[in-house]
């Protein structure tokens, strides 16, 4: 009986799910837009975006409008990412994001080819697949 109990305990210890902070899945709700230094609500209401960060390989698998990108800097407080070169084929445009590791606030920046700048402000929470 003791051997059986020992096997069960060891089996439970060895079969636990391990948590890896190398891959983070978030659901980010975009709730504000800043254009021409005026901040207002997102037209049509808040919009959810899935953001998946692979910290080990420094890749943004999903995010910046689902195109993914490259993580350029990871600090204790923030994660910085930008699109891959030529990702959207818009010469002269920029897209990047800053994610606070403590508050979950994410700010995405977009500058189009005309030089117009737009900030998208989101709140991110850990995401899990429901099915």
N, C-alpha and C. Protein backbone atom coordinates (compact mmCIF):
# COMPACT_ATOMS: atom_id res chain seq x y z
N UNK A 1 0.82 -1.19 0.00
CA UNK A 1 0.00 0.00 0.00
C UNK A 1 0.87 1.26 0.00
N UNK A 2 1.97 1.22 0.78
CA UNK A 2 2.86 2.36 0.83
C UNK A 2 3.53 2.59 -0.52
N UNK A 3 3.86 1.49 -1.21
CA UNK A 3 4.48 1.61 -2.53
C UNK A 3 3.50 2.24 -3.51
N UNK A 4 2.25 1.82 -3.45
CA UNK A 4 1.22 2.37 -4.34
C UNK A 4 1.03 3.87 -4.07
N UNK A 5 0.97 4.24 -2.81
CA UNK A 5 0.83 5.65 -2.44
C UNK A 5 2.04 6.44 -2.91
N UNK A 6 3.23 5.88 -2.78
CA UNK A 6 4.45 6.55 -3.25
C UNK A 6 4.44 6.76 -4.75
N UNK A 7 3.97 5.75 -5.48
CA UNK A 7 3.89 5.86 -6.94
C UNK A 7 2.89 6.94 -7.33
N UNK A 8 1.75 6.98 -6.67
CA UNK A 8 0.73 8.00 -6.98
C UNK A 8 1.27 9.40 -6.71
N UNK A 9 1.93 9.58 -5.55
CA UNK A 9 2.47 10.89 -5.20
C UNK A 9 3.54 11.31 -6.20
N UNK A 10 4.47 10.42 -6.54
CA UNK A 10 5.50 10.75 -7.52
C UNK A 10 4.90 11.04 -8.89
N UNK A 11 3.90 10.28 -9.26
CA UNK A 11 3.23 10.52 -10.54
C UNK A 11 2.59 11.89 -10.59
N UNK A 12 1.95 12.29 -9.51
CA UNK A 12 1.34 13.62 -9.46
C UNK A 12 2.40 14.72 -9.50
N UNK A 13 3.50 14.53 -8.81
CA UNK A 13 4.57 15.53 -8.82
C UNK A 13 5.19 15.69 -10.20
N UNK A 14 5.37 14.58 -10.89
CA UNK A 14 6.03 14.63 -12.19
C UNK A 14 5.09 15.03 -13.33
N UNK A 15 3.79 14.92 -13.13
CA UNK A 15 2.86 15.19 -14.22
C UNK A 15 2.19 16.56 -14.12
N UNK A 16 2.63 17.42 -13.21
CA UNK A 16 2.01 18.74 -13.09
C UNK A 16 2.35 19.59 -14.30
N UNK A 17 1.44 20.46 -14.65
CA UNK A 17 1.70 21.39 -15.74
C UNK A 17 2.73 22.41 -15.30
N UNK A 18 3.73 22.60 -16.11
CA UNK A 18 4.74 23.60 -15.77
C UNK A 18 4.38 24.91 -16.45
N UNK A 19 4.58 26.00 -15.75
CA UNK A 19 4.29 27.33 -16.27
C UNK A 19 5.55 27.90 -16.87
N UNK A 20 5.48 28.37 -18.08
CA UNK A 20 6.62 28.98 -18.71
C UNK A 20 6.31 30.44 -19.00
N UNK A 21 7.12 31.31 -18.46
CA UNK A 21 6.93 32.74 -18.69
C UNK A 21 7.55 33.16 -20.02
N UNK A 22 8.07 32.18 -20.79
CA UNK A 22 8.67 32.51 -22.08
C UNK A 22 7.62 32.82 -23.13
N UNK A 23 6.41 32.33 -22.98
CA UNK A 23 5.32 32.57 -23.94
C UNK A 23 4.12 33.09 -23.17
N UNK A 24 3.69 34.29 -23.53
CA UNK A 24 2.61 34.95 -22.82
C UNK A 24 1.48 35.24 -23.80
N UNK A 25 0.27 34.82 -23.43
CA UNK A 25 -0.91 35.10 -24.24
C UNK A 25 -1.78 36.11 -23.51
N UNK A 26 -2.15 37.18 -24.21
CA UNK A 26 -2.94 38.26 -23.62
C UNK A 26 -4.14 38.58 -24.49
N UNK A 27 -5.19 39.07 -23.85
CA UNK A 27 -6.33 39.67 -24.56
C UNK A 27 -6.29 41.14 -24.21
N UNK A 28 -6.10 41.97 -25.22
CA UNK A 28 -5.97 43.41 -25.00
C UNK A 28 -7.20 44.12 -25.56
N UNK A 29 -7.87 44.88 -24.70
CA UNK A 29 -9.08 45.61 -25.08
C UNK A 29 -8.71 47.05 -25.38
N UNK A 30 -8.78 47.41 -26.66
CA UNK A 30 -8.49 48.78 -27.08
C UNK A 30 -9.70 49.65 -26.77
N UNK A 31 -9.48 50.67 -25.93
CA UNK A 31 -10.60 51.49 -25.49
C UNK A 31 -10.44 52.97 -25.78
N UNK A 32 -9.25 53.41 -26.20
CA UNK A 32 -9.04 54.82 -26.51
C UNK A 32 -8.12 54.98 -27.71
N UNK A 33 -8.34 56.07 -28.45
CA UNK A 33 -7.49 56.43 -29.58
C UNK A 33 -7.09 57.89 -29.41
N UNK A 34 -5.81 58.19 -29.66
CA UNK A 34 -5.34 59.57 -29.63
C UNK A 34 -4.90 59.96 -31.04
N UNK A 35 -5.59 60.96 -31.60
CA UNK A 35 -5.24 61.50 -32.91
C UNK A 35 -5.21 63.02 -32.78
N UNK A 36 -4.21 63.64 -33.40
CA UNK A 36 -4.08 65.10 -33.35
C UNK A 36 -4.15 65.61 -31.91
N UNK A 37 -3.50 64.88 -30.99
CA UNK A 37 -3.45 65.23 -29.57
C UNK A 37 -4.81 65.26 -28.89
N UNK A 38 -5.81 64.61 -29.49
CA UNK A 38 -7.14 64.50 -28.88
C UNK A 38 -7.41 63.03 -28.61
N UNK A 39 -7.73 62.71 -27.36
CA UNK A 39 -8.01 61.33 -26.98
C UNK A 39 -9.50 61.13 -26.86
N UNK A 40 -9.98 60.05 -27.48
CA UNK A 40 -11.40 59.75 -27.42
C UNK A 40 -11.63 58.25 -27.46
N UNK A 41 -12.88 57.85 -27.32
CA UNK A 41 -13.20 56.41 -27.34
C UNK A 41 -13.01 55.82 -28.74
N UNK A 42 -12.86 54.52 -28.79
CA UNK A 42 -12.75 53.81 -30.07
C UNK A 42 -14.10 53.86 -30.77
N UNK A 43 -14.15 54.29 -32.02
CA UNK A 43 -15.43 54.30 -32.73
C UNK A 43 -16.03 52.90 -32.80
N UNK A 44 -17.28 52.76 -32.45
CA UNK A 44 -17.94 51.46 -32.46
C UNK A 44 -17.75 50.68 -31.18
N UNK A 45 -17.03 51.23 -30.23
CA UNK A 45 -16.85 50.56 -28.94
C UNK A 45 -15.51 49.87 -28.83
N UNK A 46 -15.21 49.35 -27.66
CA UNK A 46 -13.92 48.69 -27.43
C UNK A 46 -13.71 47.50 -28.38
N UNK A 47 -12.45 47.28 -28.74
CA UNK A 47 -12.07 46.20 -29.66
C UNK A 47 -11.02 45.32 -28.98
N UNK A 48 -11.22 44.00 -29.03
CA UNK A 48 -10.26 43.07 -28.44
C UNK A 48 -9.25 42.62 -29.48
N UNK A 49 -8.00 42.47 -29.04
CA UNK A 49 -6.94 41.95 -29.89
C UNK A 49 -6.16 40.91 -29.09
N UNK A 50 -5.83 39.79 -29.71
CA UNK A 50 -5.02 38.76 -29.07
C UNK A 50 -3.56 39.13 -29.31
N UNK A 51 -2.78 39.13 -28.24
CA UNK A 51 -1.34 39.41 -28.32
C UNK A 51 -0.61 38.21 -27.73
N UNK A 52 0.29 37.64 -28.52
CA UNK A 52 1.08 36.50 -28.06
C UNK A 52 2.55 36.88 -28.15
N UNK A 53 3.23 36.84 -27.01
CA UNK A 53 4.63 37.21 -26.91
C UNK A 53 5.48 35.98 -26.66
N UNK A 54 6.49 35.77 -27.47
CA UNK A 54 7.48 34.71 -27.25
C UNK A 54 8.75 35.41 -26.77
N UNK A 55 8.91 35.49 -25.45
CA UNK A 55 10.02 36.25 -24.88
C UNK A 55 11.37 35.58 -25.13
N UNK A 56 11.39 34.26 -25.17
CA UNK A 56 12.64 33.54 -25.38
C UNK A 56 13.23 33.85 -26.75
N UNK A 57 12.39 33.82 -27.78
CA UNK A 57 12.85 34.07 -29.15
C UNK A 57 12.68 35.52 -29.59
N UNK A 58 12.15 36.37 -28.67
CA UNK A 58 11.94 37.79 -28.92
C UNK A 58 11.08 38.04 -30.17
N UNK A 59 9.96 37.30 -30.21
CA UNK A 59 9.03 37.41 -31.34
C UNK A 59 7.65 37.77 -30.80
N UNK A 60 6.99 38.67 -31.48
CA UNK A 60 5.59 38.98 -31.21
C UNK A 60 4.80 38.14 -32.22
N UNK A 61 4.24 37.01 -31.75
CA UNK A 61 3.55 36.09 -32.66
C UNK A 61 2.27 36.70 -33.19
N UNK A 62 1.53 37.39 -32.33
CA UNK A 62 0.32 38.09 -32.73
C UNK A 62 0.33 39.43 -32.02
N UNK A 63 -0.21 40.42 -32.64
CA UNK A 63 -0.25 41.74 -32.05
C UNK A 63 0.04 42.77 -33.11
N UNK A 64 0.06 44.04 -32.72
CA UNK A 64 0.16 45.15 -33.66
C UNK A 64 -0.78 44.86 -34.85
N UNK A 65 -2.02 44.67 -34.52
CA UNK A 65 -3.09 44.38 -35.47
C UNK A 65 -2.88 43.03 -36.15
N UNK A 66 -2.51 42.05 -35.34
CA UNK A 66 -2.39 40.64 -35.70
C UNK A 66 -1.32 40.33 -36.72
N UNK A 67 -0.47 41.26 -37.04
CA UNK A 67 0.61 40.97 -37.99
C UNK A 67 1.86 40.42 -37.34
N UNK A 68 1.92 40.51 -36.02
CA UNK A 68 3.12 40.04 -35.33
C UNK A 68 4.23 41.06 -35.43
N UNK A 69 5.43 40.63 -35.07
CA UNK A 69 6.57 41.54 -35.14
C UNK A 69 7.75 41.03 -34.35
N UNK A 70 8.62 41.95 -33.98
CA UNK A 70 9.86 41.64 -33.29
C UNK A 70 9.87 42.37 -31.95
N UNK A 71 10.23 41.66 -30.89
CA UNK A 71 10.39 42.30 -29.58
C UNK A 71 11.78 42.93 -29.58
N UNK A 72 11.83 44.25 -29.45
CA UNK A 72 13.10 44.96 -29.54
C UNK A 72 13.77 45.17 -28.20
N UNK A 73 12.97 45.22 -27.11
CA UNK A 73 13.56 45.46 -25.80
C UNK A 73 12.63 44.89 -24.72
N UNK A 74 13.23 44.26 -23.72
CA UNK A 74 12.49 43.75 -22.57
C UNK A 74 13.18 44.30 -21.33
N UNK A 75 12.45 45.10 -20.55
CA UNK A 75 12.98 45.61 -19.29
C UNK A 75 12.15 45.04 -18.16
N UNK A 76 12.50 45.40 -16.93
CA UNK A 76 11.71 44.94 -15.79
C UNK A 76 10.30 45.50 -15.83
N UNK A 77 10.13 46.69 -16.41
CA UNK A 77 8.84 47.37 -16.40
C UNK A 77 8.05 47.24 -17.70
N UNK A 78 8.75 47.20 -18.85
CA UNK A 78 8.04 47.27 -20.13
C UNK A 78 8.61 46.31 -21.16
N UNK A 79 7.76 46.01 -22.14
CA UNK A 79 8.15 45.23 -23.31
C UNK A 79 7.89 46.10 -24.52
N UNK A 80 8.89 46.23 -25.41
CA UNK A 80 8.78 47.05 -26.61
C UNK A 80 8.83 46.13 -27.83
N UNK A 81 7.98 46.41 -28.81
CA UNK A 81 7.96 45.60 -30.03
C UNK A 81 7.64 46.48 -31.23
N UNK A 82 8.05 46.01 -32.40
CA UNK A 82 7.74 46.72 -33.64
C UNK A 82 7.52 45.69 -34.75
N UNK A 83 6.98 46.16 -35.85
CA UNK A 83 6.74 45.25 -36.97
C UNK A 83 8.06 44.87 -37.63
N UNK A 84 8.03 43.77 -38.35
CA UNK A 84 9.20 43.36 -39.12
C UNK A 84 9.37 44.30 -40.30
N UNK A 85 10.61 44.52 -40.76
CA UNK A 85 10.82 45.40 -41.92
C UNK A 85 10.03 44.90 -43.13
N UNK A 86 9.31 45.79 -43.78
CA UNK A 86 8.52 45.46 -44.97
C UNK A 86 7.28 44.64 -44.71
N UNK A 87 6.88 44.53 -43.44
CA UNK A 87 5.76 43.67 -43.09
C UNK A 87 4.44 44.12 -43.72
N UNK A 88 4.20 45.41 -43.76
CA UNK A 88 2.93 45.91 -44.29
C UNK A 88 3.09 46.61 -45.63
N UNK A 89 4.29 46.60 -46.18
CA UNK A 89 4.56 47.18 -47.50
C UNK A 89 4.07 48.61 -47.63
N UNK A 90 4.17 49.36 -46.56
CA UNK A 90 3.81 50.78 -46.59
C UNK A 90 5.09 51.56 -46.34
N UNK A 91 5.76 51.96 -47.39
CA UNK A 91 7.02 52.67 -47.26
C UNK A 91 6.83 53.95 -46.46
N UNK A 92 7.62 54.12 -45.42
CA UNK A 92 7.54 55.33 -44.60
C UNK A 92 6.58 55.25 -43.44
N UNK A 93 5.87 54.12 -43.28
CA UNK A 93 4.95 53.99 -42.14
C UNK A 93 5.66 53.27 -41.00
N UNK A 94 5.16 53.46 -39.79
CA UNK A 94 5.72 52.82 -38.60
C UNK A 94 4.61 52.25 -37.75
N UNK A 95 4.87 51.12 -37.11
CA UNK A 95 3.97 50.53 -36.13
C UNK A 95 4.82 49.93 -35.03
N UNK A 96 4.50 50.25 -33.79
CA UNK A 96 5.18 49.64 -32.67
C UNK A 96 4.31 49.72 -31.44
N UNK A 97 4.70 48.99 -30.40
CA UNK A 97 3.91 48.99 -29.16
C UNK A 97 4.80 48.96 -27.94
N UNK A 98 4.22 49.44 -26.84
CA UNK A 98 4.87 49.40 -25.53
C UNK A 98 3.86 48.79 -24.58
N UNK A 99 4.27 47.75 -23.85
CA UNK A 99 3.39 47.04 -22.93
C UNK A 99 3.96 47.12 -21.52
N UNK A 100 3.18 47.64 -20.57
CA UNK A 100 3.61 47.70 -19.18
C UNK A 100 3.43 46.33 -18.55
N UNK A 101 4.49 45.81 -17.94
CA UNK A 101 4.44 44.48 -17.33
C UNK A 101 3.73 44.51 -15.98
N UNK A 102 3.53 45.69 -15.40
CA UNK A 102 2.88 45.79 -14.09
C UNK A 102 1.41 46.13 -14.19
N UNK A 103 1.06 47.05 -15.07
CA UNK A 103 -0.33 47.50 -15.15
C UNK A 103 -1.13 46.82 -16.25
N UNK A 104 -0.45 46.24 -17.24
CA UNK A 104 -1.15 45.63 -18.38
C UNK A 104 -1.56 46.65 -19.42
N UNK A 105 -1.18 47.91 -19.25
CA UNK A 105 -1.53 48.92 -20.25
C UNK A 105 -0.61 48.79 -21.45
N UNK A 106 -1.23 48.82 -22.63
CA UNK A 106 -0.47 48.74 -23.86
C UNK A 106 -0.80 49.95 -24.73
N UNK A 107 0.22 50.57 -25.27
CA UNK A 107 0.04 51.67 -26.20
C UNK A 107 0.66 51.26 -27.52
N UNK A 108 -0.15 51.30 -28.58
CA UNK A 108 0.33 50.99 -29.93
C UNK A 108 0.40 52.29 -30.71
N UNK A 109 1.45 52.44 -31.49
CA UNK A 109 1.68 53.65 -32.26
C UNK A 109 1.62 53.32 -33.74
N UNK A 110 0.97 54.17 -34.51
CA UNK A 110 0.93 54.01 -35.96
C UNK A 110 1.17 55.36 -36.61
N UNK A 111 2.13 55.41 -37.51
CA UNK A 111 2.40 56.61 -38.30
C UNK A 111 2.27 56.20 -39.75
N UNK A 112 1.31 56.82 -40.46
CA UNK A 112 1.09 56.43 -41.85
C UNK A 112 2.06 57.14 -42.79
N UNK A 113 1.96 56.88 -44.07
CA UNK A 113 2.88 57.44 -45.05
C UNK A 113 2.75 58.95 -45.18
N UNK A 114 1.62 59.52 -44.76
CA UNK A 114 1.42 60.97 -44.79
C UNK A 114 2.00 61.66 -43.56
N UNK A 115 2.50 60.87 -42.60
CA UNK A 115 3.06 61.42 -41.38
C UNK A 115 2.05 61.60 -40.25
N UNK A 116 0.80 61.20 -40.47
CA UNK A 116 -0.21 61.31 -39.42
C UNK A 116 0.05 60.24 -38.37
N UNK A 117 0.02 60.64 -37.08
CA UNK A 117 0.31 59.74 -35.98
C UNK A 117 -0.95 59.41 -35.19
N UNK A 118 -1.09 58.14 -34.83
CA UNK A 118 -2.24 57.69 -34.05
C UNK A 118 -1.74 56.76 -32.95
N UNK A 119 -2.24 56.96 -31.73
CA UNK A 119 -1.96 56.09 -30.59
C UNK A 119 -3.21 55.30 -30.26
N UNK A 120 -3.06 54.01 -30.04
CA UNK A 120 -4.16 53.14 -29.63
C UNK A 120 -3.85 52.66 -28.22
N UNK A 121 -4.75 52.90 -27.28
CA UNK A 121 -4.53 52.56 -25.88
C UNK A 121 -5.40 51.37 -25.49
N UNK A 122 -4.76 50.35 -24.89
CA UNK A 122 -5.45 49.11 -24.54
C UNK A 122 -5.12 48.70 -23.11
N UNK A 123 -5.99 47.87 -22.55
CA UNK A 123 -5.75 47.21 -21.27
C UNK A 123 -5.67 45.71 -21.56
N UNK A 124 -4.57 45.08 -21.13
CA UNK A 124 -4.35 43.66 -21.42
C UNK A 124 -4.50 42.82 -20.17
N UNK A 125 -5.07 41.63 -20.39
CA UNK A 125 -5.24 40.65 -19.31
C UNK A 125 -4.78 39.30 -19.84
N UNK A 126 -4.33 38.42 -18.95
CA UNK A 126 -3.96 37.07 -19.42
C UNK A 126 -5.13 36.40 -20.14
N UNK A 127 -4.84 35.79 -21.25
CA UNK A 127 -5.89 35.14 -22.02
C UNK A 127 -5.73 33.63 -22.00
N UNK A 128 -6.84 32.93 -22.09
CA UNK A 128 -6.85 31.48 -22.18
C UNK A 128 -7.86 31.09 -23.24
N UNK A 129 -7.53 30.04 -23.97
CA UNK A 129 -8.48 29.51 -24.94
C UNK A 129 -9.63 28.86 -24.19
N UNK A 130 -10.83 29.11 -24.64
CA UNK A 130 -12.00 28.54 -23.99
C UNK A 130 -12.30 27.12 -24.48
N UNK A 131 -11.90 26.80 -25.70
CA UNK A 131 -12.13 25.46 -26.23
C UNK A 131 -11.14 25.18 -27.34
